[in-house]
């Protein structure tokens, strides 16, 4: 049975800027995805608990505070710990180019930096969810 792709957009840590997260949430909705936005200042544990409860396919993390190297891998670790590592984690925000390889090594599927179009983001999400075998 086909259903919309479910995406959780989350702002981990103390980052108080959410314009980018709100833009991507709206863009993914416009692309036909079901989007849950957790709001500001979420802990990795809160994000993972919400993702599991909402049965999402993808978690999109947005970070502008510079704490991405700690927060994004912690979300991935907690998903593994909860046997929910079938949930794809992607990230975006102000992420230096030199940090992207590290984040991918830690299990983040993709990092979208400034200049990435919302269409590119949606296409990546569709492709990775399809590769997982989800009938969305």
Foldseek 3Di string as FASTA:
>chain_A
DADAAEEEEEEEAQDPDCPVSVVLQVLLVVVVHHYHYPHYHDALVRQLVVCVVVVHQEYEYEYAPPCCLPRLLVNCVVCVVVVNNSRAYEYEYDDDPVCFVVSVVSRHVYYDYPPDDSVNVNVVSVVSSVVSVHRD
